Amino acid sequence: MTTEPLETVQTANRGRPRNATPPIRAKARRVSQRPRKSVTLTVLCAVMAVYTLLPLAWLAINATKTQQNLFNSFGLWFKGFGFFSNVGSTFSYQHDIFGRWLLNTLLYVVVGAGGATVLATLAGYGLAKFDFVGKKAVFAIVIGAVAVPATALAVPTFLMFSKMGLTDTPWAIIIPSLISPFGLYLMWTFSAEAVPAEIMESARMDGAGEFRTFFSVSLPLLGPGIVTVLLFNVVTTWNNYFLPLIMLKDQNWYPLTLGLSTWNDQAHTAGGDVVFNLVITGSVITIIPLIAAFLLLQRYWQSGLSAGSVKG
């Protein structure tokens, strides 16, 4: 460790106010205030990373194996390479029905999750920025709807849709997906903080109407919240299993989750085909769009986190 001469320290501190912190001491204080590395936190993060990535690694490795190699090789190591043949068999099995399931899932996500995001954005913005009679009651209803699990509403929804003749149709999946109480609550709280009232008043004083104020001023500020709600809705709709299970009978309207489940159950039925390699390969294909969506929309989260960090 080197020490600076006393004359250098005195010269550096000369001319500064008596109560001011000397630059040498201020530098030492900044160094001492740096966050220390926590060994416990590092170990916990490593354990969580292994816990999260290990199933994905198992899925990716076994998607490269044939049906025979799945049962006579170690699950976390390669044996042969049949990924492309598995992909071809997955899309051609049962008269190309996997492609139909993929298109059905995309339809449910685009219309259902996209519509739920639009409705949550409009409703959350309106509840956050406008006062009206019964606003507290609406808030209580939204909180109550968030607390109720979706499985508890599945049977009443099925009975209602069966009376309306909508079961075994795409509308039986799309219409319930349009309602997102958690997304509404999230946009409500986000709009209250992300859109200052002063900006809205300035736009109104400039002659902008409510629609123009929303689309030109408020909507760009709501970007990070909209992306967050959209991803929540996309994941929920993409992984939806119980609602299609009770609503749909026609396999042509199955989503990927229900379709792959029927392939997996074939091994436990008399005379059914054992296609575990196709189930695993189909699962890999299923998660690729979700990973791509998170990677593409990640920059909107980063821009939202840093939007208010620098002010002129």
Protein backbone atom coordinates (compact mmCIF):
# COMPACT_ATOMS: atom_id res chain seq x y z
CA MET A 1 0.00 0.00 0.00
CA THR A 2 1.45 3.39 -0.99
CA THR A 3 0.93 6.58 1.01
CA GLU A 4 1.03 10.00 -0.58
CA PRO A 5 3.40 12.60 0.92
CA LEU A 6 1.89 15.02 3.40
CA GLU A 7 2.74 17.97 1.17
CA THR A 8 0.72 16.45 -1.70
CA VAL A 9 -2.32 15.96 0.52
CA GLN A 10 -2.02 19.48 1.92
CA THR A 11 -1.68 20.92 -1.60
CA ALA A 12 -4.77 19.01 -2.77
CA ASN A 13 -6.79 20.22 0.20
CA ARG A 14 -5.55 23.83 0.08
CA GLY A 15 -8.16 26.41 -0.86
CA ARG A 16 -11.15 24.19 0.01
CA PRO A 17 -13.74 25.21 2.61
CA ARG A 18 -13.04 24.00 6.13
CA ASN A 19 -16.15 21.82 6.24
CA ALA A 20 -15.62 20.35 2.78
CA THR A 21 -14.55 16.71 2.44
CA PRO A 22 -10.99 16.40 1.13
CA PRO A 23 -10.76 14.69 -2.26
CA ILE A 24 -8.54 11.91 -0.89
CA ARG A 25 -11.03 11.08 1.87
CA ALA A 26 -13.99 11.41 -0.52
CA LYS A 27 -12.38 8.91 -2.88
CA ALA A 28 -11.76 6.49 -0.04
CA ARG A 29 -15.37 6.91 1.11
CA ARG A 30 -16.69 6.15 -2.38
CA VAL A 31 -14.57 3.02 -2.51
CA SER A 32 -15.82 1.89 0.89
CA GLN A 33 -19.45 2.49 -0.12
CA ARG A 34 -19.30 0.08 -3.08
CA PRO A 35 -21.67 -2.86 -2.59
CA ARG A 36 -19.92 -5.95 -1.33
CA LYS A 37 -20.36 -9.26 -3.05
CA SER A 38 -22.55 -11.70 -1.17
CA VAL A 39 -21.44 -15.31 -1.36
CA THR A 40 -24.83 -16.52 -0.15
CA LEU A 41 -26.70 -14.53 -2.80
CA THR A 42 -24.33 -15.80 -5.51
CA VAL A 43 -24.90 -19.41 -4.46
CA LEU A 44 -28.69 -18.92 -4.40
CA CYS A 45 -28.66 -17.36 -7.87
CA ALA A 46 -26.54 -20.24 -9.16
CA VAL A 47 -28.95 -22.79 -7.66
CA MET A 48 -31.95 -21.00 -9.21
CA ALA A 49 -30.19 -20.86 -12.58
CA VAL A 50 -29.52 -24.61 -12.50
CA TYR A 51 -33.08 -25.29 -11.33
CA THR A 52 -34.46 -23.20 -14.22
CA LEU A 53 -32.13 -24.26 -17.02
CA LEU A 54 -31.79 -27.96 -16.24
CA PRO A 55 -35.29 -28.93 -17.51
CA LEU A 56 -34.71 -26.86 -20.66
CA ALA A 57 -31.38 -28.60 -21.22
CA TRP A 58 -33.01 -31.99 -20.75
CA LEU A 59 -35.75 -31.06 -23.21
CA ALA A 60 -33.31 -29.78 -25.84
CA ILE A 61 -31.01 -32.80 -25.54
CA ASN A 62 -33.77 -35.39 -25.71
CA ALA A 63 -35.39 -33.69 -28.69
CA THR A 64 -32.38 -34.85 -30.70
CA LYS A 65 -32.95 -38.53 -29.86
CA THR A 66 -35.07 -41.12 -31.58
CA GLN A 67 -37.81 -43.02 -29.77
CA GLN A 68 -35.46 -45.94 -29.10
CA ASN A 69 -32.57 -43.81 -27.85
CA LEU A 70 -34.81 -42.08 -25.31
CA PHE A 71 -34.93 -45.20 -23.15
CA ASN A 72 -31.41 -46.59 -23.53
CA SER A 73 -29.33 -43.45 -22.94
CA PHE A 74 -28.63 -40.94 -20.19
CA GLY A 75 -31.17 -38.13 -20.18
CA LEU A 76 -28.62 -35.32 -20.01
CA TRP A 77 -26.32 -36.57 -22.76
CA PHE A 78 -26.60 -36.97 -26.52
CA LYS A 79 -26.94 -40.25 -28.38
CA GLY A 80 -27.33 -39.97 -32.11
CA PHE A 81 -28.91 -36.97 -33.78
CA GLY A 82 -32.46 -37.21 -35.01
CA PHE A 83 -33.76 -33.71 -34.34
CA PHE A 84 -34.67 -32.83 -37.92
CA SER A 85 -36.34 -36.17 -38.50
CA ASN A 86 -38.28 -35.66 -35.27
CA VAL A 87 -39.39 -32.23 -36.43
CA GLY A 88 -40.56 -33.63 -39.74
CA SER A 89 -42.41 -36.47 -38.04
CA THR A 90 -44.00 -34.05 -35.57
CA PHE A 91 -45.52 -31.93 -38.32
CA SER A 92 -46.58 -34.90 -40.45
CA TYR A 93 -48.00 -37.11 -37.70
CA GLN A 94 -51.80 -37.60 -37.78
CA HIS A 95 -52.30 -35.78 -41.07
CA ASP A 96 -50.28 -32.65 -40.19
CA ILE A 97 -52.44 -31.83 -37.18
CA PHE A 98 -49.55 -30.29 -35.22
CA GLY A 99 -49.42 -27.40 -37.68
CA ARG A 100 -53.14 -26.88 -37.15
CA TRP A 101 -52.63 -26.80 -33.39
CA LEU A 102 -49.84 -24.25 -33.81
CA LEU A 103 -52.08 -22.00 -35.92
CA ASN A 104 -54.90 -22.36 -33.38
CA THR A 105 -52.58 -21.30 -30.58
CA LEU A 106 -51.40 -18.29 -32.58
CA LEU A 107 -55.03 -17.35 -33.22
CA TYR A 108 -55.91 -17.55 -29.53
CA VAL A 109 -52.84 -15.53 -28.58
CA VAL A 110 -53.19 -12.79 -31.21
CA VAL A 111 -56.93 -12.25 -30.72
CA GLY A 112 -57.29 -13.22 -27.07
CA ALA A 113 -54.07 -11.95 -25.50
CA GLY A 114 -53.86 -8.97 -27.84
CA GLY A 115 -57.45 -8.00 -27.18
CA ALA A 116 -56.98 -8.43 -23.43
CA THR A 117 -53.97 -6.11 -23.53
CA VAL A 118 -55.89 -3.45 -25.45
CA LEU A 119 -58.86 -3.62 -23.08
CA ALA A 120 -56.63 -3.58 -19.99
CA THR A 121 -54.73 -0.55 -21.31
CA LEU A 122 -57.85 1.47 -22.07
CA ALA A 123 -59.65 0.52 -18.87
CA GLY A 124 -56.60 0.96 -16.65
CA TYR A 125 -55.85 4.38 -18.11
CA GLY A 126 -59.44 5.50 -17.72
CA LEU A 127 -59.67 4.30 -14.12
CA ALA A 128 -56.36 5.96 -13.22
CA LYS A 129 -56.92 9.35 -14.85
CA PHE A 130 -60.65 10.01 -14.59
CA ASP A 131 -62.97 10.28 -11.62
CA PHE A 132 -66.52 8.96 -11.72
CA VAL A 133 -69.19 7.64 -9.42
CA GLY A 134 -68.53 4.09 -8.25
CA LYS A 135 -64.79 4.13 -8.84
CA LYS A 136 -64.07 2.55 -5.47
CA ALA A 137 -66.57 -0.20 -6.18
CA VAL A 138 -64.87 -0.93 -9.48
CA PHE A 139 -61.54 -1.10 -7.69
CA ALA A 140 -62.94 -3.61 -5.20
CA ILE A 141 -64.35 -5.74 -8.03
CA VAL A 142 -61.02 -5.76 -9.86
CA ILE A 143 -59.13 -6.77 -6.71
CA GLY A 144 -61.67 -9.51 -6.05
CA ALA A 145 -61.37 -10.78 -9.62
CA VAL A 146 -57.58 -10.97 -9.27
CA ALA A 147 -57.96 -13.07 -6.14
CA VAL A 148 -60.29 -15.61 -7.76
CA PRO A 149 -58.39 -18.43 -9.54
CA ALA A 150 -59.30 -19.09 -13.15
CA THR A 151 -60.06 -22.76 -12.45
CA ALA A 152 -62.88 -21.73 -10.10
CA LEU A 153 -64.60 -19.94 -12.99
CA ALA A 154 -64.08 -22.69 -15.56
CA VAL A 155 -67.23 -24.69 -14.78
CA PRO A 156 -69.59 -21.67 -14.61
CA THR A 157 -68.04 -20.41 -17.85
CA PHE A 158 -68.63 -23.77 -19.49
CA LEU A 159 -72.28 -23.86 -18.39
CA MET A 160 -72.86 -20.33 -19.66
CA PHE A 161 -71.16 -20.97 -23.00
CA SER A 162 -73.02 -24.25 -23.48
CA LYS A 163 -76.32 -22.39 -23.11
CA MET A 164 -75.12 -19.93 -25.75
CA GLY A 165 -73.94 -22.69 -28.09
CA LEU A 166 -70.33 -21.49 -28.10
CA THR A 167 -68.63 -24.61 -26.76
CA ASP A 168 -66.36 -26.53 -29.12
CA THR A 169 -65.68 -23.30 -31.02
CA PRO A 170 -62.70 -20.90 -30.98
CA TRP A 171 -64.87 -18.29 -29.24
CA ALA A 172 -64.96 -20.50 -26.15
CA ILE A 173 -61.23 -19.83 -25.77
CA ILE A 174 -60.98 -16.30 -27.14
CA ILE A 175 -63.77 -14.61 -25.17
CA PRO A 176 -62.56 -15.68 -21.68
CA SER A 177 -59.01 -14.73 -22.68
CA LEU A 178 -60.13 -11.15 -23.31
CA ILE A 179 -60.66 -10.63 -19.58
CA SER A 180 -57.45 -10.03 -17.63
CA PRO A 181 -58.10 -8.65 -14.12
CA PHE A 182 -54.42 -8.72 -13.24
CA GLY A 183 -53.51 -6.88 -16.44
CA LEU A 184 -56.19 -4.28 -15.73
CA TYR A 185 -54.91 -3.74 -12.20
CA LEU A 186 -51.32 -3.51 -13.43
CA MET A 187 -52.17 -0.92 -16.07
CA TRP A 188 -54.26 0.98 -13.54
CA THR A 189 -51.34 1.37 -11.11
CA PHE A 190 -48.82 1.95 -13.90
CA SER A 191 -50.89 4.66 -15.60
CA ALA A 192 -51.32 6.51 -12.32
CA GLU A 193 -47.53 6.96 -12.02
CA ALA A 194 -46.27 6.92 -15.61
CA VAL A 195 -48.50 9.69 -17.00
CA PRO A 196 -48.19 12.96 -15.06
CA ALA A 197 -51.34 15.02 -14.78
CA GLU A 198 -49.38 18.14 -15.80
CA ILE A 199 -48.62 16.69 -19.24
CA MET A 200 -52.28 15.87 -19.81
CA GLU A 201 -53.32 19.38 -18.75
CA SER A 202 -50.76 20.92 -21.11
CA ALA A 203 -52.11 18.88 -24.00
CA ARG A 204 -55.66 19.92 -23.19
CA MET A 205 -54.66 23.58 -22.98
CA ASP A 206 -53.13 23.22 -26.45
CA GLY A 207 -56.52 22.13 -27.76
CA ALA A 208 -56.02 18.35 -27.85
CA GLY A 209 -59.03 16.18 -27.15
CA GLU A 210 -59.03 13.16 -24.88
CA PHE A 211 -58.40 10.68 -27.70
CA ARG A 212 -55.53 12.72 -29.11
CA THR A 213 -54.09 13.19 -25.64
CA PHE A 214 -54.18 9.45 -25.06
CA PHE A 215 -52.69 8.37 -28.38
CA SER A 216 -50.14 11.19 -28.77
CA VAL A 217 -49.06 11.88 -25.19
CA SER A 218 -50.05 9.07 -22.83
CA LEU A 219 -49.62 5.99 -24.99
CA PRO A 220 -45.83 6.40 -25.54
CA LEU A 221 -45.37 6.70 -21.79
CA LEU A 222 -47.37 3.53 -21.20
CA GLY A 223 -45.13 1.42 -23.45
CA PRO A 224 -43.29 -0.56 -20.74
CA GLY A 225 -46.52 -1.33 -18.90
CA ILE A 226 -48.27 -2.41 -22.10
CA VAL A 227 -45.40 -4.74 -23.00
CA THR A 228 -45.46 -6.25 -19.51
CA VAL A 229 -49.19 -6.91 -19.64
CA LEU A 230 -48.89 -8.25 -23.18
CA LEU A 231 -46.24 -10.77 -22.18
CA PHE A 232 -48.26 -11.90 -19.17
CA ASN A 233 -51.31 -12.42 -21.35
CA VAL A 234 -49.33 -14.14 -24.10
CA VAL A 235 -47.78 -16.62 -21.66
CA THR A 236 -51.13 -17.26 -19.96
CA THR A 237 -52.96 -17.85 -23.23
CA TRP A 238 -50.15 -19.85 -24.80
CA ASN A 239 -49.98 -22.21 -21.81
CA ASN A 240 -53.75 -22.39 -21.33
CA TYR A 241 -54.73 -26.01 -20.78
CA PHE A 242 -57.69 -26.42 -18.43
CA LEU A 243 -60.11 -24.15 -20.29
CA PRO A 244 -59.59 -25.84 -23.70
CA LEU A 245 -59.82 -29.22 -21.96
CA ILE A 246 -63.40 -28.60 -20.84
CA MET A 247 -64.50 -26.43 -23.77
CA LEU A 248 -63.22 -28.31 -26.83
CA LYS A 249 -63.96 -31.76 -28.20
CA ASP A 250 -62.90 -31.33 -31.81
CA GLN A 251 -59.14 -31.89 -32.12
CA ASN A 252 -59.01 -29.47 -35.02
CA TRP A 253 -59.51 -26.60 -32.53
CA TYR A 254 -57.03 -27.85 -29.92
CA PRO A 255 -54.16 -25.58 -28.85
CA LEU A 256 -50.65 -26.96 -28.57
CA THR A 257 -50.91 -27.70 -24.86
CA LEU A 258 -53.98 -29.91 -25.19
CA GLY A 259 -52.79 -31.52 -28.42
CA LEU A 260 -49.42 -32.56 -27.00
CA SER A 261 -51.19 -33.89 -23.91
CA THR A 262 -53.33 -36.17 -26.07
CA TRP A 263 -50.20 -37.48 -27.81
CA ASN A 264 -48.61 -38.16 -24.45
CA ASP A 265 -51.72 -39.99 -23.20
CA GLN A 266 -51.69 -42.32 -26.20
CA ALA A 267 -49.00 -44.39 -24.53
CA HIS A 268 -51.40 -45.27 -21.70
CA THR A 269 -54.29 -46.36 -23.92
CA ALA A 270 -54.81 -49.79 -25.46
CA GLY A 271 -53.39 -49.86 -28.98
CA GLY A 272 -52.20 -46.25 -28.80
CA ASP A 273 -48.98 -45.09 -30.44
CA VAL A 274 -46.02 -44.32 -28.19
CA VAL A 275 -44.64 -41.04 -29.56
CA PHE A 276 -42.68 -39.59 -26.67
CA ASN A 277 -40.02 -38.31 -29.08
CA LEU A 278 -42.68 -36.30 -30.92
CA VAL A 279 -44.08 -34.96 -27.65
CA ILE A 280 -40.64 -33.76 -26.58
CA THR A 281 -39.86 -32.25 -29.99
CA GLY A 282 -43.25 -30.56 -30.08
CA SER A 283 -42.60 -29.12 -26.62
CA VAL A 284 -39.33 -27.62 -27.84
CA ILE A 285 -41.08 -26.07 -30.83
CA THR A 286 -43.77 -24.75 -28.48
CA ILE A 287 -41.42 -22.77 -26.24
CA ILE A 288 -39.39 -21.20 -29.07
CA PRO A 289 -42.00 -18.45 -29.82
CA LEU A 290 -42.19 -17.54 -26.13
CA ILE A 291 -38.42 -17.21 -25.85
CA ALA A 292 -38.36 -15.11 -29.03
CA ALA A 293 -41.12 -12.83 -27.69
CA PHE A 294 -39.23 -12.19 -24.45
CA LEU A 295 -35.98 -11.46 -26.28
CA LEU A 296 -37.61 -9.10 -28.78
CA LEU A 297 -39.60 -7.16 -26.18
CA GLN A 298 -36.86 -6.94 -23.58
CA ARG A 299 -35.60 -3.60 -24.85
CA TYR A 300 -38.95 -1.98 -24.04
CA TRP A 301 -38.50 -2.93 -20.41
CA GLN A 302 -34.98 -1.51 -20.38
CA SER A 303 -36.14 1.74 -21.98
CA GLY A 304 -38.93 2.02 -19.43
CA LEU A 305 -36.56 1.52 -16.50
CA SER A 306 -34.17 4.20 -17.73
CA ALA A 307 -36.75 6.69 -18.98
CA GLY A 308 -36.78 8.78 -15.80
CA SER A 309 -33.14 8.33 -14.78
CA VAL A 310 -31.86 11.39 -16.68
CA LYS A 311 -33.57 14.73 -16.43
CA GLY A 312 -32.48 18.00 -17.91
